[in-house]
């Protein structure tokens, strides 16, 4: 599920700042290669023990991810339910309390990036 109300699609940040800001909010830079990276945040539903991952996509506008000075362009944010043994199901319904928490984290990320 793509979360379209984030307000930060199109923002730019250097890699070092983006890594710092996302880490403060609990995100981890998981998948990355020379020109793109994803930042993931694990959200757990205590009532069902299900795990969800909020993911923010980025692409390098200039430089490569080997450099802390690379400029990244923020793309979509989306959320999916974790599946066994590994993977994300983007078609599963997301409980409202998990979706609200994800939107709150995205709002905080937007505020920190817009400064």
PDB file of N, CA and C in Angstrom:
ATOM      1  N   UNK A   1       0.836  -1.171   0.000  1.00  0.00           N
ATOM      2  CA  UNK A   1       0.000   0.000   0.000  1.00  0.00           C
ATOM      3  C   UNK A   1       0.888   1.244   0.000  1.00  0.00           C
ATOM      4  N   UNK A   2       0.699   2.069  -0.976  1.00  0.00           N
ATOM      5  CA  UNK A   2       1.423   3.335  -1.038  1.00  0.00           C
ATOM      6  C   UNK A   2       0.697   4.341  -0.140  1.00  0.00           C
ATOM      7  N   UNK A   3       1.462   5.051   0.657  1.00  0.00           N
ATOM      8  CA  UNK A   3       0.897   6.088   1.518  1.00  0.00           C
ATOM      9  C   UNK A   3       1.124   7.418   0.812  1.00  0.00           C
ATOM     10  N   UNK A   4       0.061   7.977   0.286  1.00  0.00           N
ATOM     11  CA  UNK A   4       0.178   9.149  -0.573  1.00  0.00           C
ATOM     12  C   UNK A   4       0.114  10.478   0.162  1.00  0.00           C
ATOM     13  N   UNK A   5      -0.196  10.492   1.419  1.00  0.00           N
ATOM     14  CA  UNK A   5      -0.373  11.751   2.146  1.00  0.00           C
ATOM     15  C   UNK A   5       0.868  12.163   2.920  1.00  0.00           C
ATOM     16  N   UNK A   6       2.030  11.733   2.491  1.00  0.00           N
ATOM     17  CA  UNK A   6       3.237  11.994   3.261  1.00  0.00           C
ATOM     18  C   UNK A   6       3.703  13.434   3.155  1.00  0.00           C
ATOM     19  N   UNK A   7       3.561  14.070   1.998  1.00  0.00           N
ATOM     20  CA  UNK A   7       3.983  15.452   1.835  1.00  0.00           C
ATOM     21  C   UNK A   7       5.465  15.635   1.624  1.00  0.00           C
ATOM     22  N   UNK A   8       6.256  14.580   1.679  1.00  0.00           N
ATOM     23  CA  UNK A   8       7.693  14.770   1.497  1.00  0.00           C
ATOM     24  C   UNK A   8       8.224  14.213   0.187  1.00  0.00           C
ATOM     25  N   UNK A   9       7.354  13.631  -0.633  1.00  0.00           N
ATOM     26  CA  UNK A   9       7.813  13.147  -1.932  1.00  0.00           C
ATOM     27  C   UNK A   9       8.400  14.328  -2.702  1.00  0.00           C
ATOM     28  N   UNK A  10       9.615  14.165  -3.162  1.00  0.00           N
ATOM     29  CA  UNK A  10      10.285  15.230  -3.898  1.00  0.00           C
ATOM     30  C   UNK A  10      11.305  15.993  -3.077  1.00  0.00           C
ATOM     31  N   UNK A  11      11.280  15.843  -1.750  1.00  0.00           N
ATOM     32  CA  UNK A  11      12.308  16.497  -0.941  1.00  0.00           C
ATOM     33  C   UNK A  11      13.668  15.880  -1.255  1.00  0.00           C
ATOM     34  N   UNK A  12      14.712  16.658  -1.012  1.00  0.00           N
ATOM     35  CA  UNK A  12      16.070  16.188  -1.253  1.00  0.00           C
ATOM     36  C   UNK A  12      16.878  16.319   0.028  1.00  0.00           C
ATOM     37  N   UNK A  13      17.837  15.415   0.186  1.00  0.00           N
ATOM     38  CA  UNK A  13      18.694  15.438   1.355  1.00  0.00           C
ATOM     39  C   UNK A  13      20.008  14.765   1.003  1.00  0.00           C
ATOM     40  N   UNK A  14      21.084  15.196   1.672  1.00  0.00           N
ATOM     41  CA  UNK A  14      22.320  14.448   1.480  1.00  0.00           C
ATOM     42  C   UNK A  14      22.232  13.161   2.305  1.00  0.00           C
ATOM     43  N   UNK A  15      22.980  12.168   1.890  1.00  0.00           N
ATOM     44  CA  UNK A  15      22.921  10.848   2.503  1.00  0.00           C
ATOM     45  C   UNK A  15      23.204  10.883   3.998  1.00  0.00           C
ATOM     46  N   UNK A  16      24.215  11.618   4.418  1.00  0.00           N
ATOM     47  CA  UNK A  16      24.583  11.655   5.835  1.00  0.00           C
ATOM     48  C   UNK A  16      23.432  12.189   6.685  1.00  0.00           C
ATOM     49  N   UNK A  17      22.803  13.271   6.243  1.00  0.00           N
ATOM     50  CA  UNK A  17      21.688  13.853   6.990  1.00  0.00           C
ATOM     51  C   UNK A  17      20.495  12.900   7.003  1.00  0.00           C
ATOM     52  N   UNK A  18      20.183  12.314   5.869  1.00  0.00           N
ATOM     53  CA  UNK A  18      19.054  11.395   5.786  1.00  0.00           C
ATOM     54  C   UNK A  18      19.282  10.171   6.677  1.00  0.00           C
ATOM     55  N   UNK A  19      20.487   9.628   6.665  1.00  0.00           N
ATOM     56  CA  UNK A  19      20.802   8.501   7.548  1.00  0.00           C
ATOM     57  C   UNK A  19      20.614   8.888   9.015  1.00  0.00           C
ATOM     58  N   UNK A  20      21.064  10.077   9.387  1.00  0.00           N
ATOM     59  CA  UNK A  20      20.965  10.537  10.769  1.00  0.00           C
ATOM     60  C   UNK A  20      19.510  10.727  11.186  1.00  0.00           C
ATOM     61  N   UNK A  21      18.739  11.417  10.369  1.00  0.00           N
ATOM     62  CA  UNK A  21      17.342  11.712  10.690  1.00  0.00           C
ATOM     63  C   UNK A  21      16.511  10.431  10.758  1.00  0.00           C
ATOM     64  N   UNK A  22      16.682   9.553   9.801  1.00  0.00           N
ATOM     65  CA  UNK A  22      15.890   8.326   9.802  1.00  0.00           C
ATOM     66  C   UNK A  22      16.265   7.430  10.979  1.00  0.00           C
ATOM     67  N   UNK A  23      17.535   7.374  11.324  1.00  0.00           N
ATOM     68  CA  UNK A  23      17.967   6.555  12.471  1.00  0.00           C
ATOM     69  C   UNK A  23      17.342   7.063  13.773  1.00  0.00           C
ATOM     70  N   UNK A  24      17.230   8.373  13.920  1.00  0.00           N
ATOM     71  CA  UNK A  24      16.611   8.939  15.128  1.00  0.00           C
ATOM     72  C   UNK A  24      15.154   8.511  15.271  1.00  0.00           C
ATOM     73  N   UNK A  25      14.497   8.259  14.132  1.00  0.00           N
ATOM     74  CA  UNK A  25      13.088   7.861  14.143  1.00  0.00           C
ATOM     75  C   UNK A  25      12.901   6.345  14.157  1.00  0.00           C
ATOM     76  N   UNK A  26      14.004   5.597  14.118  1.00  0.00           N
ATOM     77  CA  UNK A  26      13.913   4.145  14.176  1.00  0.00           C
ATOM     78  C   UNK A  26      14.010   3.435  12.850  1.00  0.00           C
ATOM     79  N   UNK A  27      14.220   4.175  11.765  1.00  0.00           N
ATOM     80  CA  UNK A  27      14.364   3.558  10.446  1.00  0.00           C
ATOM     81  C   UNK A  27      15.766   2.969  10.286  1.00  0.00           C
ATOM     82  N   UNK A  28      15.873   1.991   9.425  1.00  0.00           N
ATOM     83  CA  UNK A  28      17.151   1.374   9.083  1.00  0.00           C
ATOM     84  C   UNK A  28      17.302   1.435   7.557  1.00  0.00           C
ATOM     85  N   UNK A  29      18.486   1.834   7.101  1.00  0.00           N
ATOM     86  CA  UNK A  29      18.729   1.797   5.647  1.00  0.00           C
ATOM     87  C   UNK A  29      19.032   0.347   5.301  1.00  0.00           C
ATOM     88  N   UNK A  30      18.056  -0.332   4.749  1.00  0.00           N
ATOM     89  CA  UNK A  30      18.185  -1.757   4.467  1.00  0.00           C
ATOM     90  C   UNK A  30      18.765  -1.972   3.089  1.00  0.00           C
ATOM     91  N   UNK A  31      17.919  -1.956   2.102  1.00  0.00           N
ATOM     92  CA  UNK A  31      18.377  -2.218   0.735  1.00  0.00           C
ATOM     93  C   UNK A  31      19.022  -0.966   0.178  1.00  0.00           C
ATOM     94  N   UNK A  32      20.174  -1.134  -0.414  1.00  0.00           N
ATOM     95  CA  UNK A  32      20.795   0.000  -1.075  1.00  0.00           C
ATOM     96  C   UNK A  32      21.775  -0.502  -2.117  1.00  0.00           C
ATOM     97  N   UNK A  33      21.972   0.322  -3.097  1.00  0.00           N
ATOM     98  CA  UNK A  33      22.977   0.092  -4.130  1.00  0.00           C
ATOM     99  C   UNK A  33      23.532   1.462  -4.496  1.00  0.00           C
ATOM    100  N   UNK A  34      24.200   1.589  -5.573  1.00  0.00           N
ATOM    101  CA  UNK A  34      24.880   2.847  -5.901  1.00  0.00           C
ATOM    102  C   UNK A  34      23.950   4.045  -6.049  1.00  0.00           C
ATOM    103  N   UNK A  35      22.740   3.830  -6.558  1.00  0.00           N
ATOM    104  CA  UNK A  35      21.889   4.979  -6.864  1.00  0.00           C
ATOM    105  C   UNK A  35      20.537   4.972  -6.163  1.00  0.00           C
ATOM    106  N   UNK A  36      20.263   3.990  -5.333  1.00  0.00           N
ATOM    107  CA  UNK A  36      18.975   3.983  -4.633  1.00  0.00           C
ATOM    108  C   UNK A  36      19.135   3.336  -3.261  1.00  0.00           C
ATOM    109  N   UNK A  37      18.213   3.697  -2.380  1.00  0.00           N
ATOM    110  CA  UNK A  37      18.203   3.113  -1.036  1.00  0.00           C
ATOM    111  C   UNK A  37      16.774   3.104  -0.514  1.00  0.00           C
ATOM    112  N   UNK A  38      16.492   2.163   0.363  1.00  0.00           N
ATOM    113  CA  UNK A  38      15.214   2.144   1.057  1.00  0.00           C
ATOM    114  C   UNK A  38      15.476   2.216   2.558  1.00  0.00           C
ATOM    115  N   UNK A  39      14.628   2.941   3.224  1.00  0.00           N
ATOM    116  CA  UNK A  39      14.682   3.068   4.676  1.00  0.00           C
ATOM    117  C   UNK A  39      13.441   2.386   5.232  1.00  0.00           C
ATOM    118  N   UNK A  40      13.636   1.410   6.126  1.00  0.00           N
ATOM    119  CA  UNK A  40      12.543   0.614   6.667  1.00  0.00           C
ATOM    120  C   UNK A  40      12.353   0.859   8.155  1.00  0.00           C
ATOM    121  N   UNK A  41      11.098   0.848   8.559  1.00  0.00           N
ATOM    122  CA  UNK A  41      10.730   0.954   9.968  1.00  0.00           C
ATOM    123  C   UNK A  41       9.792  -0.205  10.286  1.00  0.00           C
ATOM    124  N   UNK A  42      10.170  -1.007  11.267  1.00  0.00           N
ATOM    125  CA  UNK A  42       9.353  -2.149  11.686  1.00  0.00           C
ATOM    126  C   UNK A  42       8.292  -1.678  12.671  1.00  0.00           C
ATOM    127  N   UNK A  43       7.034  -2.034  12.380  1.00  0.00           N
ATOM    128  CA  UNK A  43       5.908  -1.717  13.249  1.00  0.00           C
ATOM    129  C   UNK A  43       5.240  -3.032  13.641  1.00  0.00           C
ATOM    130  N   UNK A  44       5.060  -3.247  14.937  1.00  0.00           N
ATOM    131  CA  UNK A  44       4.490  -4.501  15.409  1.00  0.00           C
ATOM    132  C   UNK A  44       3.085  -4.287  15.957  1.00  0.00           C
ATOM    133  N   UNK A  45       2.170  -5.181  15.572  1.00  0.00           N
ATOM    134  CA  UNK A  45       0.815  -5.175  16.093  1.00  0.00           C
ATOM    135  C   UNK A  45       0.795  -6.113  17.292  1.00  0.00           C
ATOM    136  N   UNK A  46       0.716  -5.560  18.486  1.00  0.00           N
ATOM    137  CA  UNK A  46       0.778  -6.352  19.720  1.00  0.00           C
ATOM    138  C   UNK A  46      -0.427  -7.284  19.880  1.00  0.00           C
ATOM    139  N   UNK A  47      -1.555  -6.932  19.271  1.00  0.00           N
ATOM    140  CA  UNK A  47      -2.755  -7.760  19.435  1.00  0.00           C
ATOM    141  C   UNK A  47      -2.696  -9.042  18.596  1.00  0.00           C
ATOM    142  N   UNK A  48      -2.036  -9.001  17.446  1.00  0.00           N
ATOM    143  CA  UNK A  48      -1.991 -10.167  16.555  1.00  0.00           C
ATOM    144  C   UNK A  48      -0.575 -10.708  16.362  1.00  0.00           C
ATOM    145  N   UNK A  49       0.409 -10.024  16.916  1.00  0.00           N
ATOM    146  CA  UNK A  49       1.826 -10.369  16.722  1.00  0.00           C
ATOM    147  C   UNK A  49       2.271 -10.287  15.258  1.00  0.00           C
ATOM    148  N   UNK A  50       1.518  -9.561  14.455  1.00  0.00           N
ATOM    149  CA  UNK A  50       1.895  -9.356  13.051  1.00  0.00           C
ATOM    150  C   UNK A  50       2.920  -8.228  12.972  1.00  0.00           C
ATOM    151  N   UNK A  51       3.783  -8.322  11.974  1.00  0.00           N
ATOM    152  CA  UNK A  51       4.794  -7.293  11.754  1.00  0.00           C
ATOM    153  C   UNK A  51       4.524  -6.600  10.419  1.00  0.00           C
ATOM    154  N   UNK A  52       4.705  -5.298  10.434  1.00  0.00           N
ATOM    155  CA  UNK A  52       4.532  -4.475   9.242  1.00  0.00           C
ATOM    156  C   UNK A  52       5.802  -3.657   9.055  1.00  0.00           C
ATOM    157  N   UNK A  53       6.092  -3.329   7.819  1.00  0.00           N
ATOM    158  CA  UNK A  53       7.260  -2.508   7.541  1.00  0.00           C
ATOM    159  C   UNK A  53       6.848  -1.299   6.726  1.00  0.00           C
ATOM    160  N   UNK A  54       7.192  -0.142   7.263  1.00  0.00           N
ATOM    161  CA  UNK A  54       7.021   1.126   6.567  1.00  0.00           C
ATOM    162  C   UNK A  54       8.315   1.361   5.800  1.00  0.00           C
ATOM    163  N   UNK A  55       8.219   1.589   4.513  1.00  0.00           N
ATOM    164  CA  UNK A  55       9.408   1.727   3.670  1.00  0.00           C
ATOM    165  C   UNK A  55       9.358   3.056   2.911  1.00  0.00           C
ATOM    166  N   UNK A  56      10.484   3.748   2.921  1.00  0.00           N
ATOM    167  CA  UNK A  56      10.633   4.995   2.167  1.00  0.00           C
ATOM    168  C   UNK A  56      11.690   4.760   1.103  1.00  0.00           C
ATOM    169  N   UNK A  57      11.314   4.990  -0.147  1.00  0.00           N
ATOM    170  CA  UNK A  57      12.237   4.838  -1.278  1.00  0.00           C
ATOM    171  C   UNK A  57      12.974   6.137  -1.539  1.00  0.00           C
ATOM    172  N   UNK A  58      14.240   6.024  -1.908  1.00  0.00           N
ATOM    173  CA  UNK A  58      15.029   7.193  -2.317  1.00  0.00           C
ATOM    174  C   UNK A  58      15.853   6.838  -3.544  1.00  0.00           C
ATOM    175  N   UNK A  59      16.204   7.851  -4.312  1.00  0.00           N
ATOM    176  CA  UNK A  59      17.082   7.697  -5.482  1.00  0.00           C
ATOM    177  C   UNK A  59      18.140   8.791  -5.436  1.00  0.00           C
ATOM    178  N   UNK A  60      19.317   8.456  -5.877  1.00  0.00           N
ATOM    179  CA  UNK A  60      20.390   9.448  -5.918  1.00  0.00           C
ATOM    180  C   UNK A  60      20.155  10.401  -7.080  1.00  0.00           C
ATOM    181  N   UNK A  61      20.164  11.683  -6.772  1.00  0.00           N
ATOM    182  CA  UNK A  61      20.080  12.697  -7.820  1.00  0.00           C
ATOM    183  C   UNK A  61      21.487  13.049  -8.290  1.00  0.00           C
ATOM    184  N   UNK A  62      22.414  13.089  -7.351  1.00  0.00           N
ATOM    185  CA  UNK A  62      23.819  13.324  -7.697  1.00  0.00           C
ATOM    186  C   UNK A  62      24.688  12.541  -6.726  1.00  0.00           C
ATOM    187  N   UNK A  63      25.793  12.042  -7.223  1.00  0.00           N
ATOM    188  CA  UNK A  63      26.682  11.237  -6.405  1.00  0.00           C
ATOM    189  C   UNK A  63      26.205   9.805  -6.297  1.00  0.00           C
ATOM    190  N   UNK A  64      26.948   9.026  -5.538  1.00  0.00           N
ATOM    191  CA  UNK A  64      26.602   7.631  -5.299  1.00  0.00           C
ATOM    192  C   UNK A  64      26.548   7.400  -3.798  1.00  0.00           C
ATOM    193  N   UNK A  65      25.853   6.355  -3.401  1.00  0.00           N
ATOM    194  CA  UNK A  65      25.650   6.113  -1.985  1.00  0.00           C
ATOM    195  C   UNK A  65      26.909   5.735  -1.231  1.00  0.00           C
ATOM    196  N   UNK A  66      28.015   5.665  -1.886  1.00  0.00           N
ATOM    197  CA  UNK A  66      29.285   5.463  -1.199  1.00  0.00           C
ATOM    198  C   UNK A  66      29.724   6.745  -0.510  1.00  0.00           C
ATOM    199  N   UNK A  67      29.159   7.866  -0.929  1.00  0.00           N
ATOM    200  CA  UNK A  67      29.555   9.171  -0.421  1.00  0.00           C
ATOM    201  C   UNK A  67      28.483   9.754   0.495  1.00  0.00           C
ATOM    202  N   UNK A  68      28.854  10.266   1.670  1.00  0.00           N
ATOM    203  CA  UNK A  68      27.865  10.901   2.545  1.00  0.00           C
ATOM    204  C   UNK A  68      27.303  12.195   1.944  1.00  0.00           C
ATOM    205  N   UNK A  69      27.944  12.685   0.890  1.00  0.00           N
ATOM    206  CA  UNK A  69      27.509  13.932   0.250  1.00  0.00           C
ATOM    207  C   UNK A  69      26.563  13.695  -0.928  1.00  0.00           C
ATOM    208  N   UNK A  70      26.279  12.444  -1.236  1.00  0.00           N
ATOM    209  CA  UNK A  70      25.331  12.141  -2.311  1.00  0.00           C
ATOM    210  C   UNK A  70      23.987  12.792  -1.978  1.00  0.00           C
ATOM    211  N   UNK A  71      23.338  13.360  -2.974  1.00  0.00           N
ATOM    212  CA  UNK A  71      22.031  13.979  -2.792  1.00  0.00           C
ATOM    213  C   UNK A  71      20.962  12.984  -3.210  1.00  0.00           C
ATOM    214  N   UNK A  72      20.060  12.710  -2.264  1.00  0.00           N
ATOM    215  CA  UNK A  72      18.988  11.751  -2.515  1.00  0.00           C
ATOM    216  C   UNK A  72      17.659  12.466  -2.668  1.00  0.00           C
ATOM    217  N   UNK A  73      16.860  11.962  -3.586  1.00  0.00           N
ATOM    218  CA  UNK A  73      15.512  12.428  -3.875  1.00  0.00           C
ATOM    219  C   UNK A  73      14.551  11.452  -3.200  1.00  0.00           C
ATOM    220  N   UNK A  74      13.657  11.956  -2.370  1.00  0.00           N
ATOM    221  CA  UNK A  74      12.705  11.107  -1.659  1.00  0.00           C
ATOM    222  C   UNK A  74      11.557  10.741  -2.599  1.00  0.00           C
ATOM    223  N   UNK A  75      11.265   9.450  -2.659  1.00  0.00           N
ATOM    224  CA  UNK A  75      10.160   8.962  -3.485  1.00  0.00           C
ATOM    225  C   UNK A  75       8.987   8.544  -2.592  1.00  0.00           C
ATOM    226  N   UNK A  76       8.242   7.558  -3.012  1.00  0.00           N
ATOM    227  CA  UNK A  76       7.068   7.110  -2.264  1.00  0.00           C
ATOM    228  C   UNK A  76       7.427   6.447  -0.939  1.00  0.00           C
ATOM    229  N   UNK A  77       6.429   6.474  -0.068  1.00  0.00           N
ATOM    230  CA  UNK A  77       6.468   5.683   1.160  1.00  0.00           C
ATOM    231  C   UNK A  77       5.354   4.647   1.035  1.00  0.00           C
ATOM    232  N   UNK A  78       5.648   3.438   1.455  1.00  0.00           N
ATOM    233  CA  UNK A  78       4.623   2.403   1.410  1.00  0.00           C
ATOM    234  C   UNK A  78       4.788   1.464   2.584  1.00  0.00           C
ATOM    235  N   UNK A  79       3.732   0.668   2.817  1.00  0.00           N
ATOM    236  CA  UNK A  79       3.708  -0.220   3.970  1.00  0.00           C
ATOM    237  C   UNK A  79       3.198  -1.584   3.536  1.00  0.00           C
ATOM    238  N   UNK A  80       3.767  -2.619   4.139  1.00  0.00           N
ATOM    239  CA  UNK A  80       3.347  -3.976   3.837  1.00  0.00           C
ATOM    240  C   UNK A  80       3.464  -4.854   5.067  1.00  0.00           C
ATOM    241  N   UNK A  81       2.744  -5.962   5.025  1.00  0.00           N
ATOM    242  CA  UNK A  81       2.776  -6.940   6.111  1.00  0.00           C
ATOM    243  C   UNK A  81       3.898  -7.931   5.842  1.00  0.00           C
ATOM    244  N   UNK A  82       4.688  -8.212   6.874  1.00  0.00           N
ATOM    245  CA  UNK A  82       5.790  -9.163   6.744  1.00  0.00           C
ATOM    246  C   UNK A  82       5.222 -10.564   6.530  1.00  0.00           C
ATOM    247  N   UNK A  83       5.864 -11.318   5.638  1.00  0.00           N
ATOM    248  CA  UNK A  83       5.459 -12.691   5.360  1.00  0.00           C
ATOM    249  C   UNK A  83       6.628 -13.623   5.609  1.00  0.00           C
ATOM    250  N   UNK A  84       6.320 -14.866   5.918  1.00  0.00           N
ATOM    251  CA  UNK A  84       7.344 -15.866   6.201  1.00  0.00           C
ATOM    252  C   UNK A  84       7.799 -16.496   4.898  1.00  0.00           C
ATOM    253  N   UNK A  85       9.054 -16.778   4.687  1.00  0.00           N
ATOM    254  CA  UNK A  85      10.177 -16.541   5.573  1.00  0.00           C
ATOM    255  C   UNK A  85      10.713 -15.120   5.453  1.00  0.00           C
ATOM    256  N   UNK A  86      10.518 -14.483   4.341  1.00  0.00           N
ATOM    257  CA  UNK A  86      10.905 -13.075   4.198  1.00  0.00           C
ATOM    258  C   UNK A  86      10.149 -12.505   3.014  1.00  0.00           C
ATOM    259  N   UNK A  87       9.779 -11.285   3.146  1.00  0.00           N
ATOM    260  CA  UNK A  87       9.024 -10.613   2.096  1.00  0.00           C
ATOM    261  C   UNK A  87       7.965  -9.720   2.704  1.00  0.00           C
ATOM    262  N   UNK A  88       7.343  -8.939   1.851  1.00  0.00           N
ATOM    263  CA  UNK A  88       6.282  -8.033   2.291  1.00  0.00           C
ATOM    264  C   UNK A  88       5.076  -8.207   1.385  1.00  0.00           C
ATOM    265  N   UNK A  89       3.906  -8.268   1.991  1.00  0.00           N
ATOM    266  CA  UNK A  89       2.648  -8.353   1.263  1.00  0.00           C
ATOM    267  C   UNK A  89       2.032  -6.962   1.267  1.00  0.00           C
ATOM    268  N   UNK A  90       2.017  -6.333   0.100  1.00  0.00           N
ATOM    269  CA  UNK A  90       1.504  -4.967   0.002  1.00  0.00           C
ATOM    270  C   UNK A  90      -0.007  -4.921  -0.232  1.00  0.00           C
ATOM    271  N   UNK A  91      -0.635  -6.086  -0.386  1.00  0.00           N
ATOM    272  CA  UNK A  91      -2.074  -6.133  -0.648  1.00  0.00           C
ATOM    273  C   UNK A  91      -2.892  -6.377   0.621  1.00  0.00           C
ATOM    274  N   UNK A  92      -2.264  -6.855   1.684  1.00  0.00           N
ATOM    275  CA  UNK A  92      -2.990  -7.122   2.934  1.00  0.00           C
ATOM    276  C   UNK A  92      -3.515  -5.827   3.535  1.00  0.00           C
ATOM    277  N   UNK A  93      -4.688  -5.889   4.153  1.00  0.00           N
ATOM    278  CA  UNK A  93      -5.188  -4.687   4.837  1.00  0.00           C
ATOM    279  C   UNK A  93      -4.285  -4.338   6.023  1.00  0.00           C
ATOM    280  N   UNK A  94      -4.114  -3.057   6.238  1.00  0.00           N
ATOM    281  CA  UNK A  94      -3.287  -2.566   7.335  1.00  0.00           C
ATOM    282  C   UNK A  94      -4.224  -2.056   8.431  1.00  0.00           C
ATOM    283  N   UNK A  95      -4.065  -2.560   9.674  1.00  0.00           N
ATOM    284  CA  UNK A  95      -4.931  -2.066  10.762  1.00  0.00           C
ATOM    285  C   UNK A  95      -4.773  -0.550  10.933  1.00  0.00           C
ATOM    286  N   UNK A  96      -5.870   0.093  11.295  1.00  0.00           N
ATOM    287  CA  UNK A  96      -5.873   1.557  11.425  1.00  0.00           C
ATOM    288  C   UNK A  96      -4.803   2.061  12.387  1.00  0.00           C
ATOM    289  N   UNK A  97      -4.620   1.391  13.526  1.00  0.00           N
ATOM    290  CA  UNK A  97      -3.644   1.890  14.503  1.00  0.00           C
ATOM    291  C   UNK A  97      -2.210   1.773  13.970  1.00  0.00           C
ATOM    292  N   UNK A  98      -1.929   0.789  13.138  1.00  0.00           N
ATOM    293  CA  UNK A  98      -0.606   0.661  12.518  1.00  0.00           C
ATOM    294  C   UNK A  98      -0.432   1.730  11.445  1.00  0.00           C
ATOM    295  N   UNK A  99      -1.467   1.936  10.645  1.00  0.00           N
ATOM    296  CA  UNK A  99      -1.408   2.956   9.595  1.00  0.00           C
ATOM    297  C   UNK A  99      -1.258   4.356  10.196  1.00  0.00           C
ATOM    298  N   UNK A 100      -1.957   4.615  11.286  1.00  0.00           N
ATOM    299  CA  UNK A 100      -1.839   5.919  11.951  1.00  0.00           C
ATOM    300  C   UNK A 100      -0.430   6.136  12.502  1.00  0.00           C
ATOM    301  N   UNK A 101       0.151   5.090  13.075  1.00  0.00           N
ATOM    302  CA  UNK A 101       1.515   5.191  13.593  1.00  0.00           C
ATOM    303  C   UNK A 101       2.499   5.443  12.448  1.00  0.00           C
ATOM    304  N   UNK A 102       2.282   4.772  11.320  1.00  0.00           N
ATOM    305  CA  UNK A 102       3.142   4.969  10.154  1.00  0.00           C
ATOM    306  C   UNK A 102       3.046   6.409   9.652  1.00  0.00           C
ATOM    307  N   UNK A 103       1.852   6.933   9.563  1.00  0.00           N
ATOM    308  CA  UNK A 103       1.664   8.312   9.101  1.00  0.00           C
ATOM    309  C   UNK A 103       2.289   9.306  10.074  1.00  0.00           C
ATOM    310  N   UNK A 104       2.220   9.008  11.373  1.00  0.00           N
ATOM    311  CA  UNK A 104       2.848   9.876  12.375  1.00  0.00           C
ATOM    312  C   UNK A 104       4.365   9.898  12.177  1.00  0.00           C
ATOM    313  N   UNK A 105       4.975   8.741  11.947  1.00  0.00           N
ATOM    314  CA  UNK A 105       6.423   8.674  11.707  1.00  0.00           C
ATOM    315  C   UNK A 105       6.794   9.421  10.433  1.00  0.00           C
ATOM    316  N   UNK A 106       5.979   9.295   9.398  1.00  0.00           N
ATOM    317  CA  UNK A 106       6.253   9.999   8.146  1.00  0.00           C
ATOM    318  C   UNK A 106       6.136  11.506   8.331  1.00  0.00           C
ATOM    319  N   UNK A 107       5.192  11.940   9.147  1.00  0.00           N
ATOM    320  CA  UNK A 107       5.057  13.355   9.436  1.00  0.00           C
ATOM    321  C   UNK A 107       6.297  13.876  10.181  1.00  0.00           C
ATOM    322  N   UNK A 108       6.768  13.099  11.152  1.00  0.00           N
ATOM    323  CA  UNK A 108       7.979  13.489  11.868  1.00  0.00           C
ATOM    324  C   UNK A 108       9.183  13.541  10.926  1.00  0.00           C
ATOM    325  N   UNK A 109       9.262  12.576  10.036  1.00  0.00           N
ATOM    326  CA  UNK A 109      10.366  12.559   9.049  1.00  0.00           C
ATOM    327  C   UNK A 109      10.284  13.785   8.153  1.00  0.00           C
ATOM    328  N   UNK A 110       9.103  14.112   7.712  1.00  0.00           N
ATOM    329  CA  UNK A 110       8.919  15.290   6.858  1.00  0.00           C
ATOM    330  C   UNK A 110       9.366  16.553   7.581  1.00  0.00           C
ATOM    331  N   UNK A 111       8.989  16.693   8.844  1.00  0.00           N
ATOM    332  CA  UNK A 111       9.377  17.875   9.622  1.00  0.00           C
ATOM    333  C   UNK A 111      10.900  17.975   9.746  1.00  0.00           C
ATOM    334  N   UNK A 112      11.555  16.861  10.028  1.00  0.00           N
ATOM    335  CA  UNK A 112      13.012  16.882  10.193  1.00  0.00           C
ATOM    336  C   UNK A 112      13.737  17.155   8.876  1.00  0.00           C
ATOM    337  N   UNK A 113      13.186  16.670   7.779  1.00  0.00           N
ATOM    338  CA  UNK A 113      13.826  16.890   6.473  1.00  0.00           C
ATOM    339  C   UNK A 113      13.573  18.291   5.943  1.00  0.00           C
ATOM    340  N   UNK A 114      12.460  18.882   6.313  1.00  0.00           N
ATOM    341  CA  UNK A 114      12.103  20.205   5.792  1.00  0.00           C
ATOM    342  C   UNK A 114      12.843  21.327   6.517  1.00  0.00           C
ATOM    343  N   UNK A 115      13.529  21.036   7.604  1.00  0.00           N
ATOM    344  CA  UNK A 115      14.233  22.072   8.374  1.00  0.00           C
ATOM    345  C   UNK A 115      15.429  22.581   7.639  1.00  0.00           C
TER     346      UNK A 115
END
